[in-house]
Amino acid sequence: MNCDKKDLLLYAVTDRAWLGEQTLQEQVEQALRGGVTFVQLREKTLEEEAFYQEAVALKELCGRYGVPFVINDNVALACRVDADGVHVGQDDMEAGNVRAMIGPDKILGVSAQTVEQAVAAQDAGADYLGVGAVFSTSTKLDACEVTWQTLKDICAAVDIPVVAIGGIKKHNVMELAGSGIDGIALVSAIFAAEDIEQECVVLRALTSEMIAR
């Protein structure tokens, strides 16, 4: 396994929707200062060369903070920039093929919604799972909700760390207590916040408390 479960405590997934007058790099650095432990660069519409330049800058930034940096879906770009790893969904490249492309030493994250998908991802070489949506979310409108019991069953079925994602906010973090997860992945809860740094301080403390329960 290429990542420690402690690295997955507070996992930030980028989204340009809330940039306003800031750059993505500025927002990510605020999140890092607030205690984010893992960063995923997610871009669905950015032109490839701009995506590359952004990835290079964020990789350097995350490196300065000692935080793992992975790229969503674009395996070729992750290899090109020598990111720490890549995260793929069920509709993206098959996890075993991704592992063959990135090699044995890079981080491979895989999205899963069922125990069967989770076990298959682990068998294919995944280092961690992103499971969700655990609550309804406006960020990914086609995401199916995963029940607390299914989340718990997935955690029990695999030996790799599990991160919950989807609709998680300050007010519902504690509802995930007892499920066995190792962290939470957040999009709008971080990047739509008025004060990203302070929001991450609060979210990290809540998540640590939730996991300890």
Protein backbone atom coordinates (compact mmCIF):
# COMPACT_ATOMS: atom_id res chain seq x y z
CA MET A 1 0.00 0.00 0.00
CA ASN A 2 1.41 3.34 -1.08
CA CYS A 3 -0.42 5.69 1.28
CA ASP A 4 -0.92 5.77 5.02
CA LYS A 5 -4.50 5.90 6.25
CA LYS A 6 -3.59 8.98 8.29
CA ASP A 7 -2.99 10.79 4.99
CA LEU A 8 -6.65 10.30 4.11
CA LEU A 9 -8.16 12.02 7.15
CA LEU A 10 -9.21 15.24 5.38
CA TYR A 11 -9.19 14.75 1.62
CA ALA A 12 -9.82 17.76 -0.65
CA VAL A 13 -11.20 17.31 -4.17
CA THR A 14 -10.82 20.46 -6.25
CA ASP A 15 -13.60 22.20 -8.15
CA ARG A 16 -13.28 25.41 -10.16
CA ALA A 17 -16.94 26.33 -9.54
CA TRP A 18 -16.12 28.48 -6.50
CA LEU A 19 -12.93 30.22 -7.60
CA GLY A 20 -14.37 33.74 -7.70
CA GLU A 21 -11.40 36.08 -7.89
CA GLN A 22 -8.99 33.51 -6.51
CA THR A 23 -6.84 30.99 -8.36
CA LEU A 24 -7.18 27.28 -7.69
CA GLN A 25 -3.63 27.30 -6.36
CA GLU A 26 -4.54 29.98 -3.82
CA GLN A 27 -7.57 28.05 -2.65
CA VAL A 28 -5.67 24.79 -2.35
CA GLU A 29 -2.93 26.47 -0.32
CA GLN A 30 -5.55 27.85 2.08
CA ALA A 31 -6.92 24.33 2.47
CA LEU A 32 -3.43 22.97 3.10
CA ARG A 33 -2.79 25.62 5.74
CA GLY A 34 -6.04 24.57 7.40
CA GLY A 35 -4.94 20.95 7.69
CA VAL A 36 -6.00 19.12 4.53
CA THR A 37 -4.05 15.84 4.37
CA PHE A 38 -4.62 14.77 0.74
CA VAL A 39 -5.42 16.64 -2.49
CA GLN A 40 -7.10 15.38 -5.66
CA LEU A 41 -7.06 17.58 -8.75
CA ARG A 42 -10.36 17.07 -10.58
CA GLU A 43 -10.87 18.74 -13.94
CA LYS A 44 -13.50 17.68 -16.46
CA THR A 45 -13.50 20.57 -18.94
CA LEU A 46 -10.05 22.19 -18.81
CA GLU A 47 -7.96 22.09 -21.99
CA GLU A 48 -5.16 19.53 -21.71
CA GLU A 49 -2.18 21.91 -21.65
CA ALA A 50 -3.83 24.18 -19.06
CA PHE A 51 -4.64 21.06 -17.03
CA TYR A 52 -0.98 20.06 -17.25
CA GLN A 53 0.30 23.45 -16.09
CA GLU A 54 -2.18 23.46 -13.20
CA ALA A 55 -1.15 19.93 -12.20
CA VAL A 56 2.55 20.85 -12.19
CA ALA A 57 1.88 23.86 -9.94
CA LEU A 58 -0.33 21.93 -7.50
CA LYS A 59 2.09 19.02 -7.32
CA GLU A 60 4.85 21.44 -6.27
CA LEU A 61 2.54 23.13 -3.76
CA CYS A 62 1.41 19.87 -2.15
CA GLY A 63 5.03 18.70 -2.06
CA ARG A 64 5.95 21.74 0.03
CA TYR A 65 3.29 20.76 2.57
CA GLY A 66 4.19 17.06 2.48
CA VAL A 67 0.68 16.14 1.31
CA PRO A 68 -0.04 13.45 -1.32
CA PHE A 69 -1.30 14.79 -4.66
CA VAL A 70 -3.34 12.69 -7.09
CA ILE A 71 -5.16 13.41 -10.33
CA ASN A 72 -8.72 12.34 -11.07
CA ASP A 73 -9.29 10.05 -14.04
CA ASN A 74 -6.53 11.30 -16.40
CA VAL A 75 -3.97 8.52 -16.00
CA ALA A 76 -1.73 9.72 -18.83
CA LEU A 77 -1.49 13.21 -17.33
CA ALA A 78 -0.78 11.79 -13.87
CA CYS A 79 2.15 9.90 -15.37
CA ARG A 80 3.30 12.94 -17.36
CA VAL A 81 3.54 15.19 -14.30
CA ASP A 82 4.76 12.39 -12.03
CA ALA A 83 1.88 12.93 -9.60
CA ASP A 84 1.81 10.83 -6.44
CA GLY A 85 -1.02 8.85 -7.98
CA VAL A 86 -4.41 8.78 -9.67
CA HIS A 87 -8.05 8.25 -8.69
CA VAL A 88 -10.50 6.50 -11.01
CA GLY A 89 -14.22 5.82 -10.91
CA GLN A 90 -16.17 2.75 -11.92
CA ASP A 91 -16.77 4.22 -15.39
CA ASP A 92 -13.13 5.17 -15.96
CA MET A 93 -10.20 2.91 -16.87
CA GLU A 94 -10.26 -0.46 -15.06
CA ALA A 95 -8.19 -0.37 -11.88
CA GLY A 96 -5.88 -3.23 -12.87
CA ASN A 97 -5.02 -1.48 -16.14
CA VAL A 98 -4.37 1.75 -14.25
CA ARG A 99 -2.02 -0.05 -11.87
CA ALA A 100 -0.13 -1.48 -14.85
CA MET A 101 0.28 2.03 -16.29
CA ILE A 102 1.34 3.87 -13.14
CA GLY A 103 3.53 1.12 -11.71
CA PRO A 104 3.64 -0.45 -8.25
CA ASP A 105 4.81 2.58 -6.27
CA LYS A 106 2.16 5.18 -7.11
CA ILE A 107 -1.09 5.71 -5.20
CA LEU A 108 -4.20 4.24 -6.80
CA GLY A 109 -7.59 5.31 -5.50
CA VAL A 110 -10.81 3.77 -6.79
CA SER A 111 -14.44 4.80 -6.30
CA ALA A 112 -16.82 2.11 -5.08
CA GLN A 113 -20.49 1.90 -4.16
CA THR A 114 -20.83 -1.78 -3.27
CA VAL A 115 -18.90 -4.46 -1.39
CA GLU A 116 -18.32 -6.30 -4.67
CA GLN A 117 -16.81 -3.23 -6.32
CA ALA A 118 -14.68 -2.55 -3.25
CA VAL A 119 -13.22 -6.06 -3.12
CA ALA A 120 -12.59 -6.06 -6.87
CA ALA A 121 -10.75 -2.73 -6.61
CA GLN A 122 -8.61 -4.01 -3.76
CA ASP A 123 -7.78 -7.16 -5.73
CA ALA A 124 -6.84 -5.00 -8.74
CA GLY A 125 -4.27 -3.08 -6.72
CA ALA A 126 -6.14 -0.11 -5.22
CA ASP A 127 -4.44 1.59 -2.26
CA TYR A 128 -7.63 3.19 -0.95
CA LEU A 129 -11.34 3.48 -1.79
CA GLY A 130 -13.57 6.50 -2.16
CA VAL A 131 -17.09 5.42 -1.19
CA GLY A 132 -20.22 7.44 -1.81
CA ALA A 133 -22.24 9.41 -2.18
CA VAL A 134 -22.92 8.97 1.54
CA PHE A 135 -25.29 11.96 1.50
CA SER A 136 -27.09 13.68 -1.37
CA THR A 137 -24.75 16.02 -3.22
CA SER A 138 -25.06 18.83 -5.74
CA THR A 139 -21.47 18.33 -6.89
CA LYS A 140 -22.10 15.00 -8.63
CA LEU A 141 -25.76 14.85 -9.62
CA ASP A 142 -25.57 11.28 -10.98
CA ALA A 143 -24.08 9.85 -7.78
CA CYS A 144 -26.11 7.12 -6.06
CA GLU A 145 -26.34 7.35 -2.30
CA VAL A 146 -24.57 4.69 -0.24
CA THR A 147 -26.19 3.81 3.10
CA TRP A 148 -24.29 3.90 6.39
CA GLN A 149 -24.64 0.11 6.60
CA THR A 150 -23.18 -0.41 3.13
CA LEU A 151 -20.34 1.93 4.03
CA LYS A 152 -19.68 -0.12 7.16
CA ASP A 153 -19.89 -3.39 5.20
CA ILE A 154 -17.34 -2.10 2.67
CA CYS A 155 -14.95 -1.07 5.43
CA ALA A 156 -15.26 -4.53 6.97
CA ALA A 157 -14.73 -6.31 3.65
CA VAL A 158 -11.41 -4.72 2.66
CA ASP A 159 -8.01 -4.22 4.24
CA ILE A 160 -7.24 -0.91 2.53
CA PRO A 161 -8.33 2.50 3.84
CA VAL A 162 -11.78 3.85 2.99
CA VAL A 163 -12.74 7.49 2.52
CA ALA A 164 -16.38 8.60 2.51
CA ILE A 165 -17.44 11.18 -0.06
CA GLY A 166 -20.59 12.95 -1.15
CA GLY A 167 -22.59 15.69 0.55
CA ILE A 168 -20.46 15.70 3.71
CA LYS A 169 -20.65 18.96 5.69
CA LYS A 170 -19.86 20.07 9.23
CA HIS A 171 -23.38 19.29 10.40
CA ASN A 172 -23.38 15.64 9.27
CA VAL A 173 -19.78 14.46 9.76
CA MET A 174 -20.68 12.79 13.06
CA GLU A 175 -23.36 10.69 11.35
CA LEU A 176 -20.51 8.66 9.85
CA ALA A 177 -19.14 7.59 13.26
CA GLY A 178 -18.80 3.85 13.73
CA SER A 179 -18.70 3.06 10.01
CA GLY A 180 -14.98 2.25 10.02
CA ILE A 181 -13.89 4.92 7.55
CA ASP A 182 -10.43 6.48 7.73
CA GLY A 183 -11.35 9.92 6.46
CA ILE A 184 -13.72 12.12 4.49
CA ALA A 185 -13.38 13.61 1.02
CA LEU A 186 -14.90 17.03 0.47
CA VAL A 187 -15.54 19.36 -2.44
CA SER A 188 -17.95 22.23 -1.78
CA ALA A 189 -17.62 22.00 2.02
CA ILE A 190 -14.06 23.20 1.52
CA PHE A 191 -13.94 25.21 -1.69
CA ALA A 192 -17.27 27.02 -1.33
CA ALA A 193 -16.38 28.18 2.19
CA GLU A 194 -15.89 31.89 2.84
CA ASP A 195 -12.78 31.14 4.90
CA ILE A 196 -11.29 27.94 3.48
CA GLU A 197 -8.42 27.72 5.95
CA GLN A 198 -10.59 28.07 9.05
CA GLU A 199 -13.22 25.73 7.63
CA CYS A 200 -10.56 23.05 7.18
CA VAL A 201 -9.35 23.52 10.75
CA VAL A 202 -12.89 22.83 11.99
CA LEU A 203 -13.50 19.94 9.57
CA ARG A 204 -10.25 18.24 10.50
CA ALA A 205 -11.05 18.42 14.21
CA LEU A 206 -14.58 17.08 13.63
CA THR A 207 -13.30 14.24 11.47
CA SER A 208 -10.69 13.22 14.02
CA GLU A 209 -13.40 13.18 16.70
CA MET A 210 -15.76 11.18 14.49
CA ILE A 211 -13.15 8.50 13.72
CA ALA A 212 -12.19 8.21 17.39
CA ARG A 213 -15.78 7.37 18.38
